[in-house]
Every structure is written in C-alpha cells, then in structure tokens.
C-alpha cells in the first residue's frame, strides 16, 4: 500500500452510519471491483470499488463485505471475506492482507477467507428479508462491461428470487456526500500533492515542450509523493486544444504565444483532487489572454461566495451564469442588448461556457451524491468556470476544490498559485 494507512475509526463510523439507514432484517453485500483484462494475459491496474473501500478500508481484489445488523449470531453482523494467500500467490502476485491486518485496518472482527462465502451465504439469506446490493448509479455513468456486482446480483436473484432486493447505492450516495474530518484530511493531502506538481510545471514549461512531457512531470511528482497517480486522465491542452473539454491525447507541441489549459489531480488513498490552471507557454500572457484570464478569475471568485450551505445547484448555476454574462459582455463576446432579450432556457453565455461550474468531489472525481441536494457543511465541490473561444484558439479554465463549512467555505487549494501575476513571476523565476 503506497499511501499511509487511514484511521480504522473512519470505516467503523461509515458502517455505523450505513447501518442506521437500514430497515429491520436487512442484509447488505458489497463486492470488490474486478481485475480487468487488457489483451493476452495482461491486466489493468486494480482499482477498488469505492463503496466497499468507504465501508471497510480494504484495497484488495476479490473481497466481499457483509453488513447484517440483525443477524442472530454476533459474528455474522459484520463479515469481511478476503482472498487467502499462498506461496504461489506470494511469488507471482505479491503480498495479500492477513486476517489480523484486515481487522486492524477495517475494525471488523469477523474475517473469513473468500472460499467460505458460499457456505455462509445460505444462513444469512435465510434470516434476511431485505437484501441491499450495490451498482453504479452515478447520474452520468455509462456501464457497458458486466461488473462483479452485476454478476453477483444475477446469481443471487436467480437462487433467492423471493427476497426484497433494494439499492445500496441510494444510501451510499446520501452518506458519501458529507465528508468526515478524516476524509477531509486525506483530500487535503491529495490537493497538496497536486499543488506540488503544478509548481513543478511552472519551472518546466517553455516554448517547444510537448504536452506529453508536461504530463510526465505531473505523474512523476504525484508518484514520488505516495500517490498512486492521477485521479483521472490528465488534460494538457495547449492553444486550440483547450477548446476540447475532455482533451487527453496530450500529443501536441506547445508553441510560443499559446496558453496551456491544465486539468489534473492526484489520487491519494483513493480520494481525488481536481485542479485546473491556464498558463502561458512563454511565461507571459498577452493583453487579450490576460483579459480573458481575469474574467474567469472574477467568475470563480463570485462562484465561491455562492458555494455555501443553504444554496442549491440550480440556483447556484443561474447566479454564476449571470456573472459570466457580464464578463463576456466586457470581453466583447456577447452584446448586452442580446443578453437582455435572450431565451432564459438557452442563455447566450453557454456558447463560451458550456459546462457546469461545480460537481461533488471525493472518492470519485465526479463523486456520487444527489445532484439537487441543498448544499451542506461537509460537502466538497469543485469550482471551475471557464471561457472557451475557438475562433481565437484560446481556452481558459480555473478550478479549485471547495469544502463547504457551517460558516461559509474553505478553499482546499488556496495555497496553489492562481493569480496571473504570481504565475508569471514563478515561471520567470524558474527559467
């Protein structure tokens, strides 16, 4: 495990909160993710199912978590099933968790080897009336590969068709939206690593460098700071590429006079950071680039004042959109009279700012949670306005991660350079 161990109390508390949402006689079963194949006998790097990790802290394949608060036998109320190691596995795959280590990491007393699951399952199902099973219900998810969860759901429903099957993800979305102090600590660490990578780039970028070379610098800094790597595909988009919102090919050369839009974030202990910055290739913004940059920065500053408890996402985006309209008018990209007479259902600013300003952040970079839930203390959102002008070959996006608090909010990336003057000074100093 590359990252420092998390406090087991985090997972004990997460399970307690989950149990409180279960009706009587309810059994919940969570599966780890599959190890996905590439070609021939190759496999992708393993990435744990976030819900299983959230409830157990176990970051290992072929794991199953059972939560059954009303089980007659106390040892059946929480069970963690793990892949048993062997000399062969140790030689070919490496070290696996022992039962004692799993107890220490998760706070779960009953640890069994995976081969025992099928013999224990009938007793659990015999006592249960409701069975909570997990699936990916993210509002933007496109799932085309059958997952371990999906296979298990089909198997269980075919063998036990008369139980009441319910959605565990609905409960996890409710819980994961509010971050605990330990989760916030880990997310600060992810943000800190991300900031180190950005500062590294300010001394590296110059005309003629390739986008993939910049990406390599990012990954280098992440991994040397105990991150597994990027939390998502890093965007290094120079010049016109910045107008492709999810540009990840990163294969162009960065030219003198262009701006590079950077969107990247470290993953630490499975938690994500999400940063966007826009920097001049030659270290100095042109007058026009600076105008657009300052407008995006102004919208970002305004948006942060609205990321507060009690607001909600639709009203928030409406307020940010109105601020963006005024900035686009100042930039001569929109006409004030046209904006006054626009169709409210199709605001004109979306030509230049077509994506949302904020999304949940946590174990997923686009973290789970009910989209229309009123903002509450403990939620973490990105704040990422942008202006994209294809006809000028220019795209500017700025993004920080914001923790909503009881008295306002806290910028978890406040220490990462953001002001245009600061970026120019740091780039000049690094040359």
Protein backbone atom coordinates (compact mmCIF):
# COMPACT_ATOMS: atom_id res chain seq x y z
CA UNK A 1 0.00 0.00 0.00
CA UNK A 2 1.66 3.19 -1.19
CA UNK A 3 -0.29 5.69 0.94
CA UNK A 4 -0.11 5.92 4.72
CA UNK A 5 -2.80 3.84 6.50
CA UNK A 6 -6.08 5.60 7.26
CA UNK A 7 -7.58 5.59 10.73
CA UNK A 8 -9.83 2.49 11.08
CA UNK A 9 -12.30 4.65 13.01
CA UNK A 10 -13.25 6.21 9.67
CA UNK A 11 -14.58 2.91 8.36
CA UNK A 12 -16.16 1.91 11.67
CA UNK A 13 -18.10 5.18 11.65
CA UNK A 14 -19.04 4.83 7.98
CA UNK A 15 -20.54 1.39 8.65
CA UNK A 16 -22.39 2.70 11.68
CA UNK A 17 -23.97 5.48 9.62
CA UNK A 18 -24.88 2.97 6.91
CA UNK A 19 -26.49 0.58 9.41
CA UNK A 20 -28.70 3.36 10.71
CA UNK A 21 -30.29 3.70 7.28
CA UNK A 22 -31.22 0.01 7.02
CA UNK A 23 -34.73 -1.21 7.89
CA UNK A 24 -35.05 -4.30 10.15
CA UNK A 25 -33.90 -7.70 8.85
CA UNK A 26 -31.71 -6.15 6.17
CA UNK A 27 -28.59 -7.73 4.73
CA UNK A 28 -26.14 -5.71 2.61
CA UNK A 29 -23.43 -7.29 0.45
CA UNK A 30 -20.64 -5.36 -1.28
CA UNK A 31 -18.27 -6.76 -3.88
CA UNK A 32 -14.81 -5.53 -4.83
CA UNK A 33 -14.14 -4.50 -8.40
CA UNK A 34 -12.83 -6.97 -10.96
CA UNK A 35 -9.26 -7.10 -12.13
CA UNK A 36 -9.88 -6.04 -15.73
CA UNK A 37 -8.08 -7.67 -18.67
CA UNK A 38 -6.17 -5.88 -21.39
CA UNK A 39 -5.01 -8.38 -24.04
CA UNK A 40 -3.45 -11.86 -23.97
CA UNK A 41 -2.72 -12.47 -20.28
CA UNK A 42 -2.37 -8.78 -19.36
CA UNK A 43 -4.44 -6.94 -16.78
CA UNK A 44 -5.13 -3.34 -15.90
CA UNK A 45 -4.02 -1.93 -12.58
CA UNK A 46 -6.56 -2.82 -9.90
CA UNK A 47 -8.81 -0.06 -8.58
CA UNK A 48 -11.04 -0.87 -5.63
CA UNK A 49 -14.82 -0.39 -5.64
CA UNK A 50 -15.24 2.91 -3.84
CA UNK A 51 -18.27 1.85 -1.79
CA UNK A 52 -16.52 -1.24 -0.47
CA UNK A 53 -13.46 0.86 0.35
CA UNK A 54 -15.62 3.53 2.03
CA UNK A 55 -17.11 0.91 4.35
CA UNK A 56 -14.08 -1.28 5.00
CA UNK A 57 -10.81 0.41 4.03
CA UNK A 58 -9.81 -2.77 2.18
CA UNK A 59 -7.92 -2.01 -1.02
CA UNK A 60 -7.58 -5.56 -2.35
CA UNK A 61 -9.23 -7.54 -5.14
CA UNK A 62 -11.65 -10.46 -4.58
CA UNK A 63 -13.05 -9.04 -1.35
CA UNK A 64 -16.64 -9.15 -0.09
CA UNK A 65 -18.17 -7.13 2.75
CA UNK A 66 -21.32 -8.26 4.56
CA UNK A 67 -23.30 -5.95 6.86
CA UNK A 68 -26.24 -7.60 8.66
CA UNK A 69 -27.12 -5.72 11.88
CA UNK A 70 -29.96 -8.10 12.88
CA UNK A 71 -28.11 -11.36 12.31
CA UNK A 72 -28.77 -13.82 15.12
CA UNK A 73 -25.09 -14.67 15.50
CA UNK A 74 -23.00 -11.64 16.54
CA UNK A 75 -20.12 -12.80 14.32
CA UNK A 76 -22.41 -12.52 11.27
CA UNK A 77 -23.28 -8.85 11.78
CA UNK A 78 -20.13 -7.71 10.01
CA UNK A 79 -18.04 -10.08 7.91
CA UNK A 80 -15.15 -9.35 5.61
CA UNK A 81 -14.22 -12.09 3.15
CA UNK A 82 -10.69 -11.95 1.74
CA UNK A 83 -8.66 -13.84 -0.81
CA UNK A 84 -6.45 -16.30 1.04
CA UNK A 85 -2.81 -16.06 0.11
CA UNK A 86 -0.46 -18.92 -0.70
CA UNK A 87 3.18 -19.43 -1.55
CA UNK A 88 2.25 -19.41 -5.24
CA UNK A 89 0.31 -16.13 -4.95
CA UNK A 90 3.10 -14.58 -2.89
CA UNK A 91 5.64 -15.39 -5.60
CA UNK A 92 3.56 -14.41 -8.63
CA UNK A 93 1.26 -11.63 -7.35
CA UNK A 94 2.77 -10.38 -4.12
CA UNK A 95 1.64 -9.85 -0.58
CA UNK A 96 -2.03 -10.08 0.48
CA UNK A 97 -3.70 -8.99 3.71
CA UNK A 98 -3.66 -11.32 6.69
CA UNK A 99 -6.76 -11.64 8.84
CA UNK A 100 -5.12 -9.66 11.65
CA UNK A 101 -4.14 -6.85 9.28
CA UNK A 102 -7.66 -6.72 7.87
CA UNK A 103 -9.09 -6.45 11.39
CA UNK A 104 -6.68 -3.66 12.22
CA UNK A 105 -7.36 -1.71 9.01
CA UNK A 106 -11.15 -2.07 8.95
CA UNK A 107 -12.24 -2.51 12.56
CA UNK A 108 -14.19 -5.62 11.50
CA UNK A 109 -13.80 -8.53 13.92
CA UNK A 110 -15.01 -11.39 11.72
CA UNK A 111 -12.61 -12.02 8.87
CA UNK A 112 -13.09 -15.12 6.71
CA UNK A 113 -11.40 -16.43 3.60
CA UNK A 114 -13.32 -15.98 0.38
CA UNK A 115 -13.81 -19.72 -0.10
CA UNK A 116 -16.14 -19.69 2.93
CA UNK A 117 -18.59 -17.20 1.41
CA UNK A 118 -20.79 -19.72 -0.39
CA UNK A 119 -21.17 -21.85 2.75
CA UNK A 120 -22.08 -18.84 4.93
CA UNK A 121 -24.43 -17.16 2.43
CA UNK A 122 -27.44 -19.55 2.85
CA UNK A 123 -27.63 -18.89 6.58
CA UNK A 124 -27.53 -15.14 6.00
CA UNK A 125 -30.19 -15.22 3.31
CA UNK A 126 -32.42 -17.44 5.48
CA UNK A 127 -32.57 -14.74 8.15
CA UNK A 128 -32.81 -11.71 5.84
CA UNK A 129 -35.96 -10.15 4.43
CA UNK A 130 -34.35 -7.26 2.59
CA UNK A 131 -31.13 -7.59 0.63
CA UNK A 132 -29.21 -4.46 -0.32
CA UNK A 133 -26.95 -4.88 -3.34
CA UNK A 134 -24.68 -2.37 -4.98
CA UNK A 135 -24.42 -1.00 -8.51
CA UNK A 136 -23.06 2.05 -10.28
CA UNK A 137 -25.92 4.56 -10.29
CA UNK A 138 -23.91 7.70 -10.96
CA UNK A 139 -26.12 10.06 -12.94
CA UNK A 140 -23.56 10.19 -15.79
CA UNK A 141 -22.38 6.57 -15.69
CA UNK A 142 -22.24 4.59 -18.94
CA UNK A 143 -21.64 0.95 -17.97
CA UNK A 144 -21.08 -1.40 -20.93
CA UNK A 145 -18.96 -4.06 -19.20
CA UNK A 146 -20.63 -6.52 -16.83
CA UNK A 147 -19.23 -5.87 -13.38
CA UNK A 148 -18.63 -8.21 -10.46
CA UNK A 149 -21.61 -6.53 -8.77
CA UNK A 150 -23.84 -7.21 -11.78
CA UNK A 151 -22.85 -10.89 -11.98
CA UNK A 152 -23.48 -11.33 -8.27
CA UNK A 153 -26.89 -9.66 -8.48
CA UNK A 154 -27.96 -12.05 -11.26
CA UNK A 155 -26.69 -15.08 -9.38
CA UNK A 156 -28.32 -14.13 -6.07
CA UNK A 157 -31.68 -13.23 -7.58
CA UNK A 158 -31.79 -16.49 -9.51
CA UNK A 159 -31.08 -18.55 -6.38
CA UNK A 160 -33.18 -16.47 -3.98
CA UNK A 161 -35.96 -14.90 -6.08
CA UNK A 162 -38.40 -14.15 -3.24
CA UNK A 163 -36.34 -11.71 -1.17
CA UNK A 164 -36.90 -7.96 -1.26
CA UNK A 165 -33.95 -6.59 -3.22
CA UNK A 166 -33.01 -2.96 -2.65
CA UNK A 167 -30.46 -0.42 -3.86
CA UNK A 168 -27.44 0.10 -1.63
CA UNK A 169 -26.13 2.87 -3.88
CA UNK A 170 -29.01 5.16 -2.94
CA UNK A 171 -27.90 5.01 0.69
CA UNK A 172 -24.19 5.37 -0.14
CA UNK A 173 -24.88 8.45 -2.26
CA UNK A 174 -26.56 10.01 0.76
CA UNK A 175 -23.66 9.20 3.09
CA UNK A 176 -20.68 9.88 0.85
CA UNK A 177 -21.83 13.42 0.04
CA UNK A 178 -20.81 14.56 3.54
CA UNK A 179 -17.10 14.16 4.24
CA UNK A 180 -15.77 13.28 7.69
CA UNK A 181 -12.73 15.01 9.21
CA UNK A 182 -10.52 12.04 8.27
CA UNK A 183 -11.72 12.16 4.65
CA UNK A 184 -11.07 15.89 4.52
CA UNK A 185 -7.57 15.30 5.88
CA UNK A 186 -6.86 12.82 3.09
CA UNK A 187 -8.32 15.15 0.46
CA UNK A 188 -6.06 17.93 1.72
CA UNK A 189 -3.15 15.58 1.13
CA UNK A 190 -4.33 14.92 -2.44
CA UNK A 191 -4.63 18.69 -3.00
CA UNK A 192 -1.17 19.29 -1.54
CA UNK A 193 0.42 16.74 -3.89
CA UNK A 194 -1.44 18.32 -6.81
CA UNK A 195 -0.09 21.74 -5.84
CA UNK A 196 3.46 20.40 -5.78
CA UNK A 197 3.01 19.10 -9.31
CA UNK A 198 1.69 22.45 -10.53
CA UNK A 199 4.62 24.35 -9.03
CA UNK A 200 6.96 21.89 -10.71
CA UNK A 201 5.36 22.70 -14.08
CA UNK A 202 5.86 26.44 -13.65
CA UNK A 203 9.60 25.88 -13.79
CA UNK A 204 9.41 23.34 -16.61
CA UNK A 205 7.10 24.75 -19.29
CA UNK A 206 8.69 26.67 -22.15
CA UNK A 207 8.13 27.00 -25.92
CA UNK A 208 8.77 23.76 -27.77
CA UNK A 209 7.93 21.40 -24.90
CA UNK A 210 5.44 18.65 -25.74
CA UNK A 211 2.15 18.17 -23.92
CA UNK A 212 3.08 14.59 -23.01
CA UNK A 213 6.33 15.81 -21.46
CA UNK A 214 4.27 18.05 -19.17
CA UNK A 215 2.03 15.09 -18.35
CA UNK A 216 5.12 13.06 -17.43
CA UNK A 217 6.23 15.77 -15.00
CA UNK A 218 2.81 15.63 -13.35
CA UNK A 219 2.89 11.86 -12.91
CA UNK A 220 6.48 11.98 -11.63
CA UNK A 221 5.58 14.44 -8.88
CA UNK A 222 2.44 12.51 -7.95
CA UNK A 223 4.17 9.17 -7.55
CA UNK A 224 7.18 10.49 -5.64
CA UNK A 225 4.66 11.82 -3.07
CA UNK A 226 2.98 8.43 -2.48
CA UNK A 227 0.08 8.98 -4.86
CA UNK A 228 -0.95 6.01 -6.99
CA UNK A 229 -1.09 8.50 -9.86
CA UNK A 230 -3.68 10.77 -11.49
CA UNK A 231 -7.24 10.64 -10.17
CA UNK A 232 -8.42 10.93 -13.80
CA UNK A 233 -6.91 11.38 -17.24
CA UNK A 234 -4.74 14.50 -17.11
CA UNK A 235 -5.60 17.27 -19.58
CA UNK A 236 -2.64 19.16 -21.02
CA UNK A 237 -4.26 21.22 -23.77
CA UNK A 238 -2.21 23.90 -25.49
CA UNK A 239 -3.61 26.50 -27.87
CA UNK A 240 -6.76 25.41 -29.70
CA UNK A 241 -6.77 22.06 -27.88
CA UNK A 242 -8.07 23.90 -24.81
CA UNK A 243 -11.45 24.14 -26.53
CA UNK A 244 -11.85 20.36 -26.34
CA UNK A 245 -13.24 19.94 -22.83
CA UNK A 246 -12.03 16.38 -22.28
CA UNK A 247 -8.85 16.54 -24.33
CA UNK A 248 -6.47 13.83 -23.07
CA UNK A 249 -4.38 12.85 -26.11
CA UNK A 250 -1.69 15.29 -24.95
CA UNK A 251 0.41 14.81 -28.09
CA UNK A 252 0.95 18.34 -29.46
CA UNK A 253 3.91 20.65 -29.14
CA UNK A 254 3.40 23.79 -27.07
CA UNK A 255 4.04 26.90 -29.15
CA UNK A 256 5.32 30.33 -28.19
CA UNK A 257 2.34 32.65 -27.63
CA UNK A 258 -0.15 29.92 -26.73
CA UNK A 259 -1.83 29.24 -23.39
CA UNK A 260 -1.89 25.73 -21.92
CA UNK A 261 -5.05 24.62 -20.13
CA UNK A 262 -4.09 22.12 -17.42
CA UNK A 263 -6.68 19.96 -15.66
CA UNK A 264 -5.24 17.29 -13.38
CA UNK A 265 -5.40 15.98 -9.85
CA UNK A 266 -3.62 13.48 -7.64
CA UNK A 267 -5.29 10.47 -6.14
CA UNK A 268 -4.28 9.77 -2.56
CA UNK A 269 -5.69 6.85 -0.55
CA UNK A 270 -8.35 6.56 -3.30
CA UNK A 271 -9.51 10.17 -2.78
CA UNK A 272 -9.30 12.65 -5.65
CA UNK A 273 -8.09 16.20 -6.09
CA UNK A 274 -9.21 18.20 -9.15
CA UNK A 275 -7.26 21.28 -10.28
CA UNK A 276 -7.41 23.46 -13.40
CA UNK A 277 -4.93 26.17 -14.32
CA UNK A 278 -4.14 28.04 -17.53
CA UNK A 279 -0.56 29.20 -18.07
CA UNK A 280 1.28 30.95 -20.93
CA UNK A 281 3.80 28.77 -22.78
CA UNK A 282 6.37 31.57 -22.87
CA UNK A 283 5.68 32.72 -19.32
CA UNK A 284 3.81 35.93 -20.21
CA UNK A 285 0.13 36.43 -21.01
CA UNK A 286 -0.78 38.66 -23.94
CA UNK A 287 -3.16 41.54 -23.22
CA UNK A 288 -6.10 39.56 -24.60
CA UNK A 289 -5.17 36.37 -22.80
CA UNK A 290 -4.90 38.31 -19.56
CA UNK A 291 -8.32 39.91 -20.10
CA UNK A 292 -9.95 36.50 -20.52
CA UNK A 293 -7.99 35.06 -17.61
CA UNK A 294 -9.07 37.85 -15.29
CA UNK A 295 -12.70 37.42 -16.33
CA UNK A 296 -12.60 33.71 -15.50
CA UNK A 297 -10.93 34.55 -12.20
CA UNK A 298 -13.67 37.07 -11.40
CA UNK A 299 -16.37 34.49 -12.07
CA UNK A 300 -14.53 31.99 -9.92
CA UNK A 301 -14.31 34.45 -7.02
CA UNK A 302 -18.04 35.15 -7.32
CA UNK A 303 -18.93 31.47 -7.54
CA UNK A 304 -17.02 30.70 -4.35
CA UNK A 305 -19.21 33.19 -2.47
CA UNK A 306 -22.27 31.16 -3.53
CA UNK A 307 -20.86 27.73 -2.62
CA UNK A 308 -22.35 27.94 0.87
CA UNK A 309 -24.73 25.93 2.99
CA UNK A 310 -28.37 26.53 2.10
CA UNK A 311 -27.84 27.24 -1.60
CA UNK A 312 -28.69 24.62 -4.23
CA UNK A 313 -27.18 23.69 -7.54
CA UNK A 314 -29.78 25.09 -9.96
CA UNK A 315 -29.89 28.50 -8.29
CA UNK A 316 -26.12 28.45 -7.94
CA UNK A 317 -25.57 27.81 -11.65
CA UNK A 318 -28.10 30.51 -12.51
CA UNK A 319 -26.21 33.04 -10.36
CA UNK A 320 -22.85 32.06 -11.83
CA UNK A 321 -24.27 32.25 -15.34
CA UNK A 322 -25.45 35.82 -14.76
CA UNK A 323 -21.97 36.77 -13.54
CA UNK A 324 -20.42 35.11 -16.59
CA UNK A 325 -22.75 37.06 -18.91
CA UNK A 326 -21.39 40.34 -17.60
CA UNK A 327 -17.78 39.22 -18.06
CA UNK A 328 -18.46 38.06 -21.63
CA UNK A 329 -20.02 41.43 -22.41
CA UNK A 330 -16.87 43.14 -21.12
CA UNK A 331 -14.81 40.90 -23.41
CA UNK A 332 -16.98 41.88 -26.43
CA UNK A 333 -18.04 38.27 -26.85
CA UNK A 334 -21.70 39.00 -26.06
CA UNK A 335 -23.92 42.01 -26.72
CA UNK A 336 -25.75 43.48 -23.73
CA UNK A 337 -28.97 44.00 -25.70
CA UNK A 338 -28.91 40.42 -26.96
CA UNK A 339 -28.42 39.13 -23.42
CA UNK A 340 -31.36 41.21 -22.19
CA UNK A 341 -33.62 39.69 -24.84
CA UNK A 342 -32.27 36.13 -24.74
CA UNK A 343 -34.33 32.98 -24.20
CA UNK A 344 -33.86 32.15 -20.49
CA UNK A 345 -33.92 28.46 -21.37
CA UNK A 346 -30.96 28.90 -23.74
CA UNK A 347 -28.69 31.58 -22.23
CA UNK A 348 -26.14 33.01 -24.63
CA UNK A 349 -23.20 32.62 -22.27
CA UNK A 350 -23.27 28.85 -22.91
CA UNK A 351 -21.63 29.43 -26.27
CA UNK A 352 -18.44 30.26 -24.40
CA UNK A 353 -19.04 28.47 -21.06
CA UNK A 354 -20.88 25.27 -21.81
CA UNK A 355 -20.21 23.09 -18.76
CA UNK A 356 -21.32 23.27 -15.14
CA UNK A 357 -19.35 25.21 -12.55
CA UNK A 358 -19.23 22.61 -9.79
CA UNK A 359 -19.53 18.91 -9.03
CA UNK A 360 -19.12 16.71 -5.97
CA UNK A 361 -15.57 15.55 -5.22
CA UNK A 362 -14.39 12.65 -3.08
CA UNK A 363 -13.58 9.01 -3.77
CA UNK A 364 -14.66 9.70 -7.34
CA UNK A 365 -13.55 12.82 -9.14
CA UNK A 366 -17.20 13.27 -10.14
CA UNK A 367 -18.31 11.97 -6.77
CA UNK A 368 -21.68 10.43 -6.01
CA UNK A 369 -24.47 12.31 -4.28
CA UNK A 370 -27.94 13.58 -5.10
CA UNK A 371 -27.40 16.39 -7.56
CA UNK A 372 -30.21 18.62 -6.29
CA UNK A 373 -29.48 18.24 -2.58
CA UNK A 374 -29.13 21.56 -0.78
CA UNK A 375 -25.51 22.44 -0.04
CA UNK A 376 -24.49 21.29 3.45
CA UNK A 377 -21.42 21.61 5.64
CA UNK A 378 -19.01 18.78 4.91
CA UNK A 379 -19.67 18.65 1.17
CA UNK A 380 -16.70 19.18 -1.14
CA UNK A 381 -17.31 20.72 -4.57
CA UNK A 382 -15.08 21.83 -7.37
CA UNK A 383 -15.37 25.42 -8.57
CA UNK A 384 -14.34 25.58 -12.23
CA UNK A 385 -15.58 28.34 -14.52
CA UNK A 386 -14.07 28.65 -17.98
CA UNK A 387 -14.23 30.69 -21.17
CA UNK A 388 -13.58 28.96 -24.48
CA UNK A 389 -13.07 30.95 -27.69
CA UNK A 390 -12.34 28.58 -30.61
CA UNK A 391 -12.01 31.44 -33.11
CA UNK A 392 -9.13 32.81 -31.02
CA UNK A 393 -7.52 29.44 -30.32
CA UNK A 394 -7.90 30.20 -26.61
CA UNK A 395 -9.46 28.40 -23.68
CA UNK A 396 -9.10 29.40 -20.03
CA UNK A 397 -10.34 27.31 -17.11
CA UNK A 398 -9.55 27.78 -13.43
CA UNK A 399 -10.54 25.28 -10.77
CA UNK A 400 -10.10 24.79 -7.04
CA UNK A 401 -11.67 22.34 -4.58
CA UNK A 402 -14.00 23.90 -2.01
CA UNK A 403 -15.13 22.50 1.35
CA UNK A 404 -18.49 23.86 2.50
CA UNK A 405 -18.45 24.71 6.20
CA UNK A 406 -21.05 25.82 8.75
CA UNK A 407 -19.88 29.43 8.41
CA UNK A 408 -19.07 29.61 4.69
CA UNK A 409 -16.45 27.57 2.86
CA UNK A 410 -12.75 26.75 2.75
CA UNK A 411 -10.64 26.61 -0.38
CA UNK A 412 -8.59 23.41 -0.10
CA UNK A 413 -6.29 24.73 -2.84
CA UNK A 414 -5.82 28.24 -1.52
CA UNK A 415 -2.04 27.75 -1.40
CA UNK A 416 -1.73 26.78 -5.08
CA UNK A 417 -0.74 29.75 -7.29
CA UNK A 418 -3.75 31.26 -9.07
CA UNK A 419 -3.26 34.96 -9.75
CA UNK A 420 -1.87 35.73 -13.21
CA UNK A 421 0.92 37.93 -11.85
CA UNK A 422 2.01 35.17 -9.46
CA UNK A 423 2.09 32.59 -12.23
CA UNK A 424 4.15 34.88 -14.49
CA UNK A 425 6.60 35.63 -11.65
CA UNK A 426 7.06 31.95 -10.78
CA UNK A 427 7.53 31.00 -14.42
CA UNK A 428 10.14 33.75 -14.84
CA UNK A 429 11.94 32.64 -11.68
CA UNK A 430 12.09 29.04 -12.89
CA UNK A 431 13.76 29.84 -16.21
